[in-house]
Amino acid sequence: MFWQDFITIALVHLVAVASPGPDFAIVVRNSLAYGRRIAIFTSIGIGLGILIHVAYSLVGLSVVIKTTPWLYQAISYLAAAYLIYLAIGALKSGPPTATSDKEQAAKIPVKSSISPKKALWMGFLTNGLNPKATLFFLSLFTAFIDVDTPMGIKLTYGIYLAVATGMWFCFLSFILGSGRVTQLLGKKGYWLDRTMGVLLLGLAAKLVFA
């Protein structure tokens, strides 16, 4: 069961992290504005930001499960509703406008250079302060963690998600040097959103009917 759940979590996370969003926009922007080195530090910050969501998801779920089972059940239904909401939005995704990614990237004024530390914090705050990421991770962990799940497995899930996120965006930082690649990701990213929508509907069903 551990490996089945782990593979499912990994696949859902891969589709989610590869879909264009705030993290994608900030890595694209920093890569094009400051180069690969700064983009890599930004990517590491995004990976560290994941640990925030993982930490309070794990701790909060543990407390709820041990003290108030009825509240855990209520959270499960709310999480399922949120997953369905995300799935509907993802399934409705279509080709972006030509300026959508540029508009997101242009929200932050471009300077001649920034320090690696600032780039790290930029990535950390972009991910850590994203409320949608909070609910997504809570929903994901609610679907796969119960009172019988060992702490070691919980930590394995969390560390994997943080490391995989950082590695994905570091990889993205390398390939974003090509304008053609950036354009392709911007145009075809909606297919990733649609795939994610199908996976999220499956998770919602798991929460409701388990």
N, C-alpha and C. Protein backbone atom coordinates (compact mmCIF):
# COMPACT_ATOMS: atom_id res chain seq x y z
N MET A 1 0.82 -1.20 0.00
CA MET A 1 0.00 0.00 0.00
C MET A 1 0.87 1.26 0.00
N PHE A 2 2.00 1.21 0.71
CA PHE A 2 2.87 2.38 0.76
C PHE A 2 3.33 2.77 -0.63
N TRP A 3 3.80 1.77 -1.40
CA TRP A 3 4.32 2.08 -2.73
C TRP A 3 3.21 2.51 -3.67
N GLN A 4 2.02 1.93 -3.54
CA GLN A 4 0.90 2.36 -4.37
C GLN A 4 0.54 3.81 -4.09
N ASP A 5 0.43 4.15 -2.79
CA ASP A 5 0.11 5.53 -2.42
C ASP A 5 1.22 6.48 -2.83
N PHE A 6 2.46 6.06 -2.64
CA PHE A 6 3.60 6.91 -2.97
C PHE A 6 3.62 7.23 -4.46
N ILE A 7 3.39 6.21 -5.29
CA ILE A 7 3.39 6.42 -6.74
C ILE A 7 2.25 7.36 -7.15
N THR A 8 1.09 7.17 -6.53
CA THR A 8 -0.05 8.05 -6.85
C THR A 8 0.25 9.49 -6.45
N ILE A 9 0.78 9.67 -5.23
CA ILE A 9 1.14 11.01 -4.77
C ILE A 9 2.17 11.64 -5.71
N ALA A 10 3.17 10.84 -6.10
CA ALA A 10 4.22 11.35 -6.98
C ALA A 10 3.65 11.79 -8.33
N LEU A 11 2.73 11.01 -8.88
CA LEU A 11 2.15 11.35 -10.18
C LEU A 11 1.29 12.60 -10.09
N VAL A 12 0.45 12.69 -9.06
CA VAL A 12 -0.40 13.86 -8.89
C VAL A 12 0.47 15.10 -8.70
N HIS A 13 1.50 14.96 -7.87
CA HIS A 13 2.39 16.09 -7.61
C HIS A 13 3.13 16.51 -8.87
N LEU A 14 3.57 15.54 -9.66
CA LEU A 14 4.30 15.85 -10.89
C LEU A 14 3.44 16.68 -11.84
N VAL A 15 2.19 16.26 -12.01
CA VAL A 15 1.30 17.00 -12.90
C VAL A 15 1.03 18.38 -12.34
N ALA A 16 0.82 18.47 -11.02
CA ALA A 16 0.51 19.75 -10.39
C ALA A 16 1.69 20.72 -10.49
N VAL A 17 2.89 20.24 -10.19
CA VAL A 17 4.05 21.12 -10.17
C VAL A 17 4.46 21.53 -11.58
N ALA A 18 4.14 20.70 -12.57
CA ALA A 18 4.51 21.03 -13.95
C ALA A 18 3.50 21.97 -14.61
N SER A 19 2.34 22.15 -13.99
CA SER A 19 1.33 23.03 -14.56
C SER A 19 1.72 24.50 -14.33
N PRO A 20 1.56 25.34 -15.35
CA PRO A 20 1.89 26.77 -15.18
C PRO A 20 1.10 27.41 -14.05
N GLY A 21 1.78 28.16 -13.21
CA GLY A 21 1.18 28.84 -12.08
C GLY A 21 2.15 29.87 -11.54
N PRO A 22 1.94 30.35 -10.29
CA PRO A 22 2.83 31.36 -9.71
C PRO A 22 4.29 30.91 -9.66
N ASP A 23 4.53 29.65 -9.25
CA ASP A 23 5.91 29.16 -9.18
C ASP A 23 6.56 29.15 -10.57
N PHE A 24 5.81 28.65 -11.53
CA PHE A 24 6.30 28.63 -12.91
C PHE A 24 6.62 30.03 -13.39
N ALA A 25 5.71 30.97 -13.11
CA ALA A 25 5.88 32.34 -13.59
C ALA A 25 7.13 32.99 -12.99
N ILE A 26 7.37 32.76 -11.69
CA ILE A 26 8.52 33.41 -11.06
C ILE A 26 9.83 32.80 -11.53
N VAL A 27 9.84 31.50 -11.81
CA VAL A 27 11.05 30.87 -12.33
C VAL A 27 11.32 31.35 -13.75
N VAL A 28 10.27 31.44 -14.56
CA VAL A 28 10.43 31.95 -15.92
C VAL A 28 10.97 33.37 -15.88
N ARG A 29 10.37 34.18 -15.06
CA ARG A 29 10.77 35.59 -14.97
C ARG A 29 12.21 35.73 -14.52
N ASN A 30 12.60 35.02 -13.46
CA ASN A 30 13.97 35.15 -12.95
C ASN A 30 14.99 34.53 -13.90
N SER A 31 14.58 33.47 -14.59
CA SER A 31 15.48 32.85 -15.54
C SER A 31 15.79 33.79 -16.70
N LEU A 32 14.75 34.42 -17.22
CA LEU A 32 14.93 35.32 -18.36
C LEU A 32 15.57 36.64 -17.95
N ALA A 33 15.27 37.10 -16.73
CA ALA A 33 15.77 38.41 -16.31
C ALA A 33 17.17 38.35 -15.72
N TYR A 34 17.49 37.26 -14.98
CA TYR A 34 18.74 37.21 -14.23
C TYR A 34 19.63 36.03 -14.58
N GLY A 35 19.13 35.09 -15.35
CA GLY A 35 19.95 33.95 -15.74
C GLY A 35 19.68 32.70 -14.92
N ARG A 36 20.35 31.62 -15.29
CA ARG A 36 20.08 30.32 -14.70
C ARG A 36 20.42 30.26 -13.21
N ARG A 37 21.55 30.87 -12.83
CA ARG A 37 21.99 30.77 -11.43
C ARG A 37 20.94 31.32 -10.47
N ILE A 38 20.41 32.49 -10.76
CA ILE A 38 19.39 33.08 -9.91
C ILE A 38 18.11 32.26 -9.97
N ALA A 39 17.77 31.74 -11.15
CA ALA A 39 16.57 30.92 -11.28
C ALA A 39 16.69 29.64 -10.45
N ILE A 40 17.89 29.08 -10.37
CA ILE A 40 18.09 27.87 -9.58
C ILE A 40 17.90 28.16 -8.09
N PHE A 41 18.43 29.29 -7.61
CA PHE A 41 18.20 29.66 -6.21
C PHE A 41 16.72 29.90 -5.95
N THR A 42 16.03 30.49 -6.91
CA THR A 42 14.58 30.66 -6.79
C THR A 42 13.89 29.31 -6.69
N SER A 43 14.34 28.36 -7.48
CA SER A 43 13.76 27.01 -7.48
C SER A 43 13.98 26.31 -6.15
N ILE A 44 15.16 26.47 -5.57
CA ILE A 44 15.43 25.88 -4.26
C ILE A 44 14.50 26.49 -3.21
N GLY A 45 14.28 27.79 -3.30
CA GLY A 45 13.36 28.44 -2.37
C GLY A 45 11.94 27.90 -2.48
N ILE A 46 11.51 27.62 -3.71
CA ILE A 46 10.18 27.04 -3.92
C ILE A 46 10.10 25.67 -3.26
N GLY A 47 11.16 24.85 -3.42
CA GLY A 47 11.18 23.54 -2.78
C GLY A 47 11.10 23.65 -1.26
N LEU A 48 11.81 24.63 -0.68
CA LEU A 48 11.76 24.83 0.78
C LEU A 48 10.38 25.30 1.21
N GLY A 49 9.72 26.08 0.36
CA GLY A 49 8.37 26.54 0.69
C GLY A 49 7.39 25.39 0.81
N ILE A 50 7.62 24.32 0.06
CA ILE A 50 6.77 23.13 0.15
C ILE A 50 6.78 22.56 1.56
N LEU A 51 7.93 22.65 2.24
CA LEU A 51 8.06 22.09 3.59
C LEU A 51 7.08 22.75 4.57
N ILE A 52 6.75 24.01 4.34
CA ILE A 52 5.77 24.68 5.20
C ILE A 52 4.43 23.98 5.09
N HIS A 53 3.98 23.76 3.87
CA HIS A 53 2.68 23.10 3.67
C HIS A 53 2.70 21.67 4.21
N VAL A 54 3.78 20.97 3.97
CA VAL A 54 3.90 19.59 4.44
C VAL A 54 3.86 19.54 5.96
N ALA A 55 4.57 20.45 6.61
CA ALA A 55 4.68 20.43 8.07
C ALA A 55 3.33 20.61 8.75
N TYR A 56 2.60 21.68 8.39
CA TYR A 56 1.34 21.87 9.11
C TYR A 56 0.25 20.93 8.62
N SER A 57 0.39 20.40 7.42
CA SER A 57 -0.57 19.38 7.00
C SER A 57 -0.41 18.12 7.83
N LEU A 58 0.84 17.67 8.02
CA LEU A 58 1.09 16.46 8.80
C LEU A 58 0.72 16.65 10.26
N VAL A 59 1.18 17.73 10.87
CA VAL A 59 0.92 17.97 12.29
C VAL A 59 -0.57 18.17 12.53
N GLY A 60 -1.21 18.99 11.69
CA GLY A 60 -2.63 19.25 11.87
C GLY A 60 -3.48 18.01 11.72
N LEU A 61 -3.17 17.19 10.73
CA LEU A 61 -3.92 15.96 10.53
C LEU A 61 -3.74 15.00 11.70
N SER A 62 -2.54 14.92 12.23
CA SER A 62 -2.28 14.02 13.36
C SER A 62 -3.13 14.41 14.56
N VAL A 63 -3.20 15.71 14.84
CA VAL A 63 -3.98 16.17 15.99
C VAL A 63 -5.46 15.89 15.78
N VAL A 64 -5.95 16.20 14.58
CA VAL A 64 -7.37 16.01 14.29
C VAL A 64 -7.75 14.53 14.39
N ILE A 65 -6.93 13.67 13.82
CA ILE A 65 -7.23 12.24 13.82
C ILE A 65 -7.29 11.68 15.24
N LYS A 66 -6.36 12.11 16.09
CA LYS A 66 -6.25 11.55 17.43
C LYS A 66 -7.32 12.09 18.38
N THR A 67 -7.77 13.32 18.18
CA THR A 67 -8.66 13.94 19.17
C THR A 67 -10.12 14.04 18.74
N THR A 68 -10.37 14.35 17.48
CA THR A 68 -11.74 14.56 17.03
C THR A 68 -11.97 13.89 15.67
N PRO A 69 -12.31 12.60 15.69
CA PRO A 69 -12.54 11.89 14.42
C PRO A 69 -13.63 12.51 13.57
N TRP A 70 -14.68 13.06 14.20
CA TRP A 70 -15.76 13.64 13.42
C TRP A 70 -15.28 14.87 12.64
N LEU A 71 -14.36 15.63 13.24
CA LEU A 71 -13.83 16.79 12.55
C LEU A 71 -12.95 16.35 11.38
N TYR A 72 -12.24 15.27 11.58
CA TYR A 72 -11.42 14.72 10.48
C TYR A 72 -12.32 14.32 9.31
N GLN A 73 -13.48 13.72 9.64
CA GLN A 73 -14.42 13.34 8.58
C GLN A 73 -14.94 14.57 7.85
N ALA A 74 -15.23 15.62 8.63
CA ALA A 74 -15.71 16.85 8.01
C ALA A 74 -14.65 17.45 7.09
N ILE A 75 -13.39 17.42 7.55
CA ILE A 75 -12.29 17.93 6.72
C ILE A 75 -12.16 17.11 5.45
N SER A 76 -12.38 15.81 5.58
CA SER A 76 -12.29 14.94 4.40
C SER A 76 -13.30 15.36 3.34
N TYR A 77 -14.54 15.66 3.76
CA TYR A 77 -15.56 16.08 2.81
C TYR A 77 -15.25 17.46 2.23
N LEU A 78 -14.75 18.38 3.08
CA LEU A 78 -14.37 19.69 2.59
C LEU A 78 -13.21 19.58 1.60
N ALA A 79 -12.26 18.70 1.93
CA ALA A 79 -11.12 18.49 1.04
C ALA A 79 -11.58 17.93 -0.30
N ALA A 80 -12.54 16.99 -0.25
CA ALA A 80 -13.06 16.42 -1.49
C ALA A 80 -13.75 17.50 -2.32
N ALA A 81 -14.50 18.37 -1.65
CA ALA A 81 -15.18 19.45 -2.36
C ALA A 81 -14.16 20.38 -3.02
N TYR A 82 -13.08 20.66 -2.30
CA TYR A 82 -12.06 21.54 -2.87
C TYR A 82 -11.36 20.89 -4.06
N LEU A 83 -11.10 19.58 -3.94
CA LEU A 83 -10.48 18.86 -5.06
C LEU A 83 -11.37 18.88 -6.30
N ILE A 84 -12.67 18.72 -6.07
CA ILE A 84 -13.61 18.78 -7.20
C ILE A 84 -13.60 20.17 -7.82
N TYR A 85 -13.55 21.18 -6.96
CA TYR A 85 -13.48 22.57 -7.44
C TYR A 85 -12.23 22.78 -8.30
N LEU A 86 -11.09 22.29 -7.82
CA LEU A 86 -9.85 22.40 -8.58
C LEU A 86 -9.95 21.62 -9.89
N ALA A 87 -10.55 20.44 -9.81
CA ALA A 87 -10.64 19.59 -11.00
C ALA A 87 -11.48 20.26 -12.08
N ILE A 88 -12.59 20.86 -11.68
CA ILE A 88 -13.46 21.53 -12.66
C ILE A 88 -12.71 22.67 -13.34
N GLY A 89 -12.00 23.46 -12.54
CA GLY A 89 -11.22 24.55 -13.12
C GLY A 89 -10.13 24.04 -14.05
N ALA A 90 -9.49 22.94 -13.65
CA ALA A 90 -8.42 22.38 -14.47
C ALA A 90 -8.95 21.82 -15.78
N LEU A 91 -10.09 21.14 -15.71
CA LEU A 91 -10.67 20.55 -16.91
C LEU A 91 -11.15 21.61 -17.90
N LYS A 92 -11.43 22.81 -17.41
CA LYS A 92 -11.89 23.90 -18.28
C LYS A 92 -10.73 24.67 -18.89
N SER A 93 -9.50 24.31 -18.52
CA SER A 93 -8.34 25.05 -19.01
C SER A 93 -8.25 24.99 -20.53
N GLY A 94 -7.87 26.12 -21.10
CA GLY A 94 -7.68 26.19 -22.54
C GLY A 94 -6.38 26.88 -22.86
N PRO A 95 -6.07 27.04 -24.13
CA PRO A 95 -4.83 27.72 -24.51
C PRO A 95 -4.76 29.11 -23.92
N PRO A 96 -3.62 29.49 -23.32
CA PRO A 96 -3.49 30.82 -22.73
C PRO A 96 -3.38 31.89 -23.79
N THR A 97 -3.66 33.13 -23.35
CA THR A 97 -3.46 34.25 -24.27
C THR A 97 -1.97 34.49 -24.47
N ALA A 98 -1.64 35.19 -25.49
CA ALA A 98 -0.22 35.36 -25.84
C ALA A 98 0.55 36.13 -24.78
N THR A 99 -0.16 36.92 -23.95
CA THR A 99 0.55 37.76 -22.99
C THR A 99 0.34 37.33 -21.56
N SER A 100 -0.34 36.19 -21.32
CA SER A 100 -0.69 35.83 -19.95
C SER A 100 0.53 35.62 -19.08
N ASP A 101 1.51 34.82 -19.53
CA ASP A 101 2.69 34.58 -18.72
C ASP A 101 3.53 35.85 -18.58
N LYS A 102 3.57 36.67 -19.64
CA LYS A 102 4.34 37.90 -19.57
C LYS A 102 3.72 38.86 -18.56
N GLU A 103 2.39 38.88 -18.50
CA GLU A 103 1.74 39.76 -17.55
C GLU A 103 2.02 39.35 -16.12
N GLN A 104 2.02 38.02 -15.86
CA GLN A 104 2.34 37.54 -14.53
C GLN A 104 3.76 37.88 -14.17
N ALA A 105 4.67 37.67 -15.10
CA ALA A 105 6.08 37.94 -14.83
C ALA A 105 6.34 39.42 -14.64
N ALA A 106 5.54 40.26 -15.29
CA ALA A 106 5.78 41.69 -15.24
C ALA A 106 5.28 42.33 -13.95
N LYS A 107 4.60 41.56 -13.10
CA LYS A 107 4.11 42.11 -11.85
C LYS A 107 5.27 42.52 -10.92
N ILE A 108 6.41 41.89 -11.07
CA ILE A 108 7.56 42.20 -10.24
C ILE A 108 8.53 43.03 -11.07
N PRO A 109 8.90 44.21 -10.61
CA PRO A 109 9.79 45.04 -11.42
C PRO A 109 11.15 44.39 -11.61
N VAL A 110 11.68 44.50 -12.82
CA VAL A 110 12.96 43.88 -13.14
C VAL A 110 14.11 44.81 -12.78
N LYS A 111 15.12 44.30 -12.08
CA LYS A 111 16.31 45.06 -11.73
C LYS A 111 17.49 44.47 -12.48
N SER A 112 18.61 45.17 -12.39
CA SER A 112 19.79 44.70 -13.11
C SER A 112 20.27 43.37 -12.58
N SER A 113 20.18 43.15 -11.27
CA SER A 113 20.59 41.88 -10.67
C SER A 113 20.03 41.78 -9.27
N ILE A 114 19.91 40.56 -8.76
CA ILE A 114 19.51 40.33 -7.38
C ILE A 114 20.45 39.29 -6.78
N SER A 115 20.51 39.25 -5.46
CA SER A 115 21.40 38.31 -4.80
C SER A 115 20.77 36.92 -4.76
N PRO A 116 21.61 35.88 -4.66
CA PRO A 116 21.05 34.52 -4.51
C PRO A 116 20.13 34.40 -3.30
N LYS A 117 20.47 35.09 -2.21
CA LYS A 117 19.62 35.03 -1.01
C LYS A 117 18.24 35.61 -1.29
N LYS A 118 18.20 36.72 -1.99
CA LYS A 118 16.90 37.33 -2.32
C LYS A 118 16.11 36.43 -3.25
N ALA A 119 16.80 35.80 -4.20
CA ALA A 119 16.12 34.88 -5.11
C ALA A 119 15.55 33.69 -4.33
N LEU A 120 16.30 33.19 -3.34
CA LEU A 120 15.83 32.09 -2.51
C LEU A 120 14.56 32.47 -1.76
N TRP A 121 14.56 33.65 -1.15
CA TRP A 121 13.40 34.11 -0.42
C TRP A 121 12.22 34.37 -1.34
N MET A 122 12.52 34.85 -2.54
CA MET A 122 11.45 35.10 -3.51
C MET A 122 10.70 33.81 -3.83
N GLY A 123 11.46 32.73 -4.09
CA GLY A 123 10.83 31.45 -4.37
C GLY A 123 10.10 30.90 -3.16
N PHE A 124 10.72 31.03 -1.98
CA PHE A 124 10.14 30.53 -0.74
C PHE A 124 8.79 31.18 -0.44
N LEU A 125 8.74 32.50 -0.57
CA LEU A 125 7.51 33.22 -0.26
C LEU A 125 6.45 33.01 -1.33
N THR A 126 6.87 32.90 -2.59
CA THR A 126 5.90 32.67 -3.67
C THR A 126 5.12 31.38 -3.43
N ASN A 127 5.82 30.33 -3.01
CA ASN A 127 5.15 29.06 -2.75
C ASN A 127 4.53 29.02 -1.36
N GLY A 128 5.28 29.44 -0.36
CA GLY A 128 4.81 29.31 1.02
C GLY A 128 3.58 30.13 1.35
N LEU A 129 3.38 31.25 0.65
CA LEU A 129 2.23 32.12 0.93
C LEU A 129 1.09 31.91 -0.04
N ASN A 130 1.16 30.83 -0.82
CA ASN A 130 0.10 30.54 -1.78
C ASN A 130 -1.02 29.76 -1.08
N PRO A 131 -2.18 30.37 -0.85
CA PRO A 131 -3.25 29.67 -0.12
C PRO A 131 -3.78 28.44 -0.85
N LYS A 132 -3.73 28.45 -2.18
CA LYS A 132 -4.18 27.28 -2.93
C LYS A 132 -3.27 26.08 -2.68
N ALA A 133 -1.98 26.35 -2.51
CA ALA A 133 -1.05 25.27 -2.19
C ALA A 133 -1.36 24.68 -0.82
N THR A 134 -1.76 25.52 0.12
CA THR A 134 -2.13 25.05 1.46
C THR A 134 -3.26 24.03 1.38
N LEU A 135 -4.34 24.38 0.70
CA LEU A 135 -5.49 23.49 0.61
C LEU A 135 -5.18 22.27 -0.24
N PHE A 136 -4.36 22.44 -1.27
CA PHE A 136 -4.02 21.30 -2.11
C PHE A 136 -3.27 20.24 -1.31
N PHE A 137 -2.27 20.65 -0.55
CA PHE A 137 -1.49 19.69 0.22
C PHE A 137 -2.30 19.07 1.34
N LEU A 138 -3.14 19.87 1.98
CA LEU A 138 -4.00 19.30 3.03
C LEU A 138 -4.91 18.25 2.42
N SER A 139 -5.47 18.54 1.26
CA SER A 139 -6.35 17.58 0.59
C SER A 139 -5.59 16.32 0.19
N LEU A 140 -4.40 16.49 -0.35
CA LEU A 140 -3.59 15.36 -0.80
C LEU A 140 -3.22 14.45 0.36
N PHE A 141 -2.78 15.04 1.46
CA PHE A 141 -2.37 14.23 2.60
C PHE A 141 -3.56 13.60 3.31
N THR A 142 -4.69 14.29 3.30
CA THR A 142 -5.89 13.71 3.90
C THR A 142 -6.29 12.43 3.18
N ALA A 143 -6.05 12.39 1.88
CA ALA A 143 -6.45 11.23 1.09
C ALA A 143 -5.58 10.01 1.35
N PHE A 144 -4.35 10.20 1.83
CA PHE A 144 -3.42 9.08 1.91
C PHE A 144 -2.87 8.81 3.31
N ILE A 145 -3.19 9.63 4.30
CA ILE A 145 -2.64 9.45 5.64
C ILE A 145 -3.76 9.19 6.63
N ASP A 146 -3.58 8.17 7.45
CA ASP A 146 -4.53 7.89 8.52
C ASP A 146 -3.76 7.59 9.80
N VAL A 147 -4.48 7.15 10.85
CA VAL A 147 -3.85 6.94 12.15
C VAL A 147 -2.82 5.83 12.11
N ASP A 148 -2.90 4.93 11.16
CA ASP A 148 -1.97 3.81 11.09
C ASP A 148 -0.73 4.10 10.25
N THR A 149 -0.67 5.27 9.64
CA THR A 149 0.48 5.60 8.81
C THR A 149 1.67 5.96 9.70
N PRO A 150 2.79 5.23 9.61
CA PRO A 150 3.96 5.53 10.43
C PRO A 150 4.53 6.91 10.12
N MET A 151 5.12 7.54 11.15
CA MET A 151 5.69 8.87 10.96
C MET A 151 6.79 8.87 9.90
N GLY A 152 7.55 7.76 9.84
CA GLY A 152 8.61 7.67 8.84
C GLY A 152 8.08 7.78 7.42
N ILE A 153 6.92 7.16 7.17
CA ILE A 153 6.31 7.23 5.84
C ILE A 153 5.79 8.64 5.58
N LYS A 154 5.21 9.28 6.59
CA LYS A 154 4.74 10.64 6.43
C LYS A 154 5.89 11.57 6.05
N LEU A 155 7.01 11.42 6.77
CA LEU A 155 8.17 12.26 6.48
C LEU A 155 8.73 11.97 5.09
N THR A 156 8.66 10.70 4.69
CA THR A 156 9.12 10.34 3.35
C THR A 156 8.29 11.04 2.28
N TYR A 157 6.97 11.05 2.47
CA TYR A 157 6.10 11.77 1.54
C TYR A 157 6.50 13.25 1.47
N GLY A 158 6.62 13.87 2.64
CA GLY A 158 6.89 15.30 2.70
C GLY A 158 8.23 15.67 2.10
N ILE A 159 9.28 14.93 2.47
CA ILE A 159 10.61 15.23 1.95
C ILE A 159 10.65 15.03 0.44
N TYR A 160 10.01 13.96 -0.02
CA TYR A 160 9.99 13.72 -1.47
C TYR A 160 9.34 14.89 -2.20
N LEU A 161 8.19 15.36 -1.71
CA LEU A 161 7.48 16.45 -2.38
C LEU A 161 8.33 17.71 -2.44
N ALA A 162 9.04 18.01 -1.35
CA ALA A 162 9.88 19.20 -1.33
C ALA A 162 11.06 19.06 -2.30
N VAL A 163 11.74 17.90 -2.24
CA VAL A 163 12.91 17.68 -3.09
C VAL A 163 12.49 17.62 -4.56
N ALA A 164 11.41 16.91 -4.86
CA ALA A 164 10.95 16.78 -6.24
C ALA A 164 10.56 18.13 -6.82
N THR A 165 9.92 18.97 -6.00
CA THR A 165 9.55 20.30 -6.47
C THR A 165 10.78 21.13 -6.81
N GLY A 166 11.75 21.14 -5.88
CA GLY A 166 12.97 21.89 -6.12
C GLY A 166 13.71 21.39 -7.35
N MET A 167 13.80 20.07 -7.51
CA MET A 167 14.52 19.50 -8.65
C MET A 167 13.82 19.83 -9.96
N TRP A 168 12.48 19.77 -9.97
CA TRP A 168 11.75 20.08 -11.19
C TRP A 168 12.04 21.51 -11.65
N PHE A 169 11.97 22.46 -10.71
CA PHE A 169 12.18 23.84 -11.11
C PHE A 169 13.64 24.15 -11.39
N CYS A 170 14.56 23.43 -10.76
CA CYS A 170 15.98 23.57 -11.14
C CYS A 170 16.18 23.08 -12.57
N PHE A 171 15.56 21.95 -12.90
CA PHE A 171 15.62 21.44 -14.28
C PHE A 171 15.00 22.44 -15.24
N LEU A 172 13.88 23.02 -14.83
CA LEU A 172 13.21 24.01 -15.67
C LEU A 172 14.10 25.22 -15.90
N SER A 173 14.87 25.59 -14.86
CA SER A 173 15.76 26.74 -14.98
C SER A 173 16.81 26.52 -16.06
N PHE A 174 17.25 25.28 -16.22
CA PHE A 174 18.26 24.98 -17.25
C PHE A 174 17.67 25.09 -18.66
N ILE A 175 16.46 24.53 -18.83
CA ILE A 175 15.91 24.49 -20.19
C ILE A 175 15.24 25.79 -20.60
N LEU A 176 14.97 26.68 -19.62
CA LEU A 176 14.30 27.92 -19.96
C LEU A 176 15.21 28.92 -20.66
N GLY A 177 16.48 28.57 -20.85
CA GLY A 177 17.36 29.45 -21.59
C GLY A 177 16.95 29.59 -23.04
N SER A 178 16.15 28.64 -23.52
CA SER A 178 15.67 28.68 -24.90
C SER A 178 14.29 29.32 -24.94
N GLY A 179 14.16 30.39 -25.71
CA GLY A 179 12.87 31.05 -25.83
C GLY A 179 11.82 30.15 -26.45
N ARG A 180 12.24 29.24 -27.33
CA ARG A 180 11.31 28.32 -27.97
C ARG A 180 10.69 27.36 -26.96
N VAL A 181 11.51 26.89 -26.00
CA VAL A 181 11.01 25.99 -24.96
C VAL A 181 10.01 26.72 -24.07
N THR A 182 10.33 27.93 -23.67
CA THR A 182 9.43 28.72 -22.83
C THR A 182 8.08 28.94 -23.52
N GLN A 183 8.13 29.25 -24.81
CA GLN A 183 6.90 29.47 -25.57
C GLN A 183 6.06 28.19 -25.65
N LEU A 184 6.72 27.05 -25.83
CA LEU A 184 6.01 25.78 -25.93
C LEU A 184 5.31 25.45 -24.61
N LEU A 185 6.02 25.63 -23.48
CA LEU A 185 5.42 25.34 -22.18
C LEU A 185 4.23 26.25 -21.91
N GLY A 186 4.36 27.50 -22.32
CA GLY A 186 3.26 28.42 -22.09
C GLY A 186 2.02 28.07 -22.90
N LYS A 187 2.24 27.55 -24.12
CA LYS A 187 1.10 27.25 -24.99
C LYS A 187 0.44 25.91 -24.68
N LYS A 188 1.24 24.91 -24.28
CA LYS A 188 0.70 23.56 -24.10
C LYS A 188 0.45 23.20 -22.65
N GLY A 189 0.69 24.12 -21.71
CA GLY A 189 0.52 23.79 -20.29
C GLY A 189 -0.89 23.43 -19.91
N TYR A 190 -1.87 23.88 -20.70
CA TYR A 190 -3.26 23.58 -20.34
C TYR A 190 -3.57 22.09 -20.42
N TRP A 191 -2.81 21.33 -21.22
CA TRP A 191 -3.02 19.89 -21.26
C TRP A 191 -2.63 19.25 -19.93
N LEU A 192 -1.62 19.80 -19.28
CA LEU A 192 -1.25 19.32 -17.95
C LEU A 192 -2.37 19.62 -16.96
N ASP A 193 -2.98 20.79 -17.08
CA ASP A 193 -4.09 21.14 -16.20
C ASP A 193 -5.25 20.15 -16.36
N ARG A 194 -5.54 19.79 -17.59
CA ARG A 194 -6.65 18.87 -17.84
C ARG A 194 -6.36 17.48 -17.27
N THR A 195 -5.12 17.03 -17.43
CA THR A 195 -4.73 15.74 -16.84
C THR A 195 -4.86 15.78 -15.33
N MET A 196 -4.42 16.89 -14.75
CA MET A 196 -4.53 17.06 -13.31
C MET A 196 -5.99 17.01 -12.86
N GLY A 197 -6.88 17.58 -13.66
CA GLY A 197 -8.29 17.57 -13.30
C GLY A 197 -8.84 16.17 -13.15
N VAL A 198 -8.46 15.27 -14.06
CA VAL A 198 -8.91 13.88 -13.99
C VAL A 198 -8.38 13.21 -12.72
N LEU A 199 -7.10 13.42 -12.43
CA LEU A 199 -6.50 12.82 -11.23
C LEU A 199 -7.14 13.36 -9.95
N LEU A 200 -7.45 14.64 -9.93
CA LEU A 200 -8.06 15.22 -8.74
C LEU A 200 -9.47 14.70 -8.51
N LEU A 201 -10.21 14.45 -9.57
CA LEU A 201 -11.53 13.85 -9.43
C LEU A 201 -11.43 12.46 -8.80
N GLY A 202 -10.41 11.72 -9.20
CA GLY A 202 -10.19 10.40 -8.59
C GLY A 202 -9.88 10.49 -7.11
N LEU A 203 -9.08 11.48 -6.72
CA LEU A 203 -8.77 11.67 -5.31
C LEU A 203 -10.01 12.06 -4.52
N ALA A 204 -10.83 12.92 -5.10
CA ALA A 204 -12.06 13.33 -4.43
C ALA A 204 -12.98 12.13 -4.18
N ALA A 205 -13.07 11.25 -5.17
CA ALA A 205 -13.88 10.05 -5.02
C ALA A 205 -13.33 9.16 -3.90
N LYS A 206 -12.01 9.08 -3.81
CA LYS A 206 -11.38 8.28 -2.77
C LYS A 206 -11.75 8.80 -1.37
N LEU A 207 -11.78 10.13 -1.23
CA LEU A 207 -12.13 10.73 0.06
C LEU A 207 -13.59 10.48 0.44
N VAL A 208 -14.47 10.58 -0.54
CA VAL A 208 -15.91 10.46 -0.27
C VAL A 208 -16.32 9.02 -0.02
N PHE A 209 -15.79 8.08 -0.79
CA PHE A 209 -16.28 6.71 -0.74
C PHE A 209 -15.39 5.75 0.05
N ALA A 210 -14.25 6.24 0.55
CA ALA A 210 -13.36 5.36 1.33
C ALA A 210 -14.05 4.92 2.60
